[in-house]
Protein backbone atom coordinates (compact mmCIF):
# COMPACT_ATOMS: atom_id res chain seq x y z
CA MET A 1 96.02 111.97 121.27
CA ALA A 2 96.10 115.04 119.06
CA SER A 3 99.77 115.61 119.84
CA ILE A 4 100.65 112.09 118.73
CA ALA A 5 98.64 112.49 115.54
CA THR A 6 100.21 115.82 114.67
CA ALA A 7 103.71 114.57 115.46
CA ARG A 8 103.58 111.47 113.28
CA TYR A 9 100.72 111.97 110.84
CA LEU A 10 99.22 114.64 108.67
CA ARG A 11 95.55 115.15 109.35
CA LEU A 12 93.71 115.27 106.10
CA GLY A 13 90.52 117.24 106.47
CA ASP A 14 87.41 115.49 105.33
CA SER A 15 83.80 115.55 106.41
CA TRP A 16 83.97 112.02 107.83
CA GLY A 17 86.69 112.49 110.41
CA TRP A 18 90.32 111.52 110.60
CA ALA A 19 92.41 110.11 107.80
CA TYR A 20 96.07 109.40 108.34
CA ARG A 21 99.03 109.79 106.05
CA CYS A 22 102.05 108.18 107.60
CA HIS A 23 105.49 109.73 107.35
CA MET A 24 107.25 106.44 108.20
CA PRO A 25 105.79 103.17 106.84
CA THR A 26 107.48 101.16 109.62
CA GLU A 27 105.18 102.79 112.21
CA LEU A 28 102.14 101.31 110.47
CA GLU A 29 102.93 97.76 111.57
CA THR A 30 102.33 98.68 115.22
CA GLN A 31 99.17 100.66 114.42
CA PHE A 32 97.74 97.98 112.12
CA SER A 33 98.55 95.21 114.61
CA GLU A 34 96.25 96.97 117.08
CA LEU A 35 93.50 97.24 114.43
CA ILE A 36 93.40 93.57 113.34
CA GLY A 37 89.76 92.59 112.90
CA GLN A 38 88.70 96.22 112.40
CA ARG A 39 87.41 97.67 109.13
CA VAL A 40 89.76 100.08 107.34
CA SER A 41 89.93 101.99 104.08
CA ILE A 42 93.38 102.28 102.48
CA ARG A 43 94.35 104.35 99.45
CA LEU A 44 97.39 102.89 97.70
CA ASN A 45 99.72 104.49 95.19
CA ASP A 46 99.15 102.59 91.94
CA LYS A 47 102.19 101.39 90.00
CA ASP A 48 100.84 102.96 86.79
CA GLY A 49 100.23 106.31 88.47
CA GLY A 50 97.16 107.40 90.34
CA PHE A 51 95.60 105.56 93.26
CA ARG A 52 93.47 102.55 94.09
CA ASP A 53 91.34 102.03 97.18
CA ILE A 54 90.89 98.87 99.20
CA LEU A 55 88.29 98.41 101.93
CA GLY A 56 87.86 95.53 104.34
CA HIS A 57 88.75 93.98 107.69
CA LEU A 58 92.43 93.73 108.58
CA VAL A 59 93.64 90.12 108.82
CA THR A 60 97.33 90.95 109.32
CA PRO A 61 99.24 94.24 109.30
CA TYR A 62 99.84 93.56 105.58
CA SER A 63 96.50 92.17 104.37
CA LEU A 64 92.76 92.65 104.58
CA ARG A 65 89.68 90.68 103.57
CA ASN A 66 87.24 92.55 101.34
CA LYS A 67 83.45 92.07 101.18
CA ARG A 68 83.82 89.34 98.53
CA GLY A 69 86.01 87.33 100.91
CA GLU A 70 89.18 87.92 98.89
CA LEU A 71 92.44 88.40 100.75
CA VAL A 72 94.13 91.59 99.52
CA GLU A 73 97.80 92.04 100.38
CA PHE A 74 99.59 95.39 100.37
CA SER A 75 102.90 96.94 101.28
CA HIS A 76 103.12 99.77 103.80
CA SER A 77 105.32 101.69 101.39
CA GLU A 78 102.39 101.78 98.91
CA ILE A 79 100.01 103.49 101.36
CA PHE A 80 99.14 107.09 100.59
CA VAL A 81 96.40 107.53 103.19
CA TRP A 82 94.29 105.30 105.45
CA ARG A 83 91.53 105.47 108.02
CA GLN A 84 89.53 103.22 110.30
CA VAL A 85 85.93 102.83 109.16
CA ILE A 86 83.21 102.73 111.81
CA GLU A 87 80.71 100.01 110.98
CA LYS A 88 77.02 100.85 110.96
CA GLN A 89 74.97 98.96 113.50
């Protein structure tokens, strides 16, 4: 798995594990399709500069539902970095 990650993604070191920055936004559709129903954190490039974070369960490869029940849509080209979040039990 490490060879796949290093070939397609940059590993961003953090104390919580893996975060992925995709080189090709089209590859995210396949990855996100496999993660539907899972909790993810996504950092998006903001139109006004800077970033904004969204957190929730993936509904489609292009949307997630946050803790308030709102459906948040995003474009893969906006994604700066993302990671799957392990839920506490």
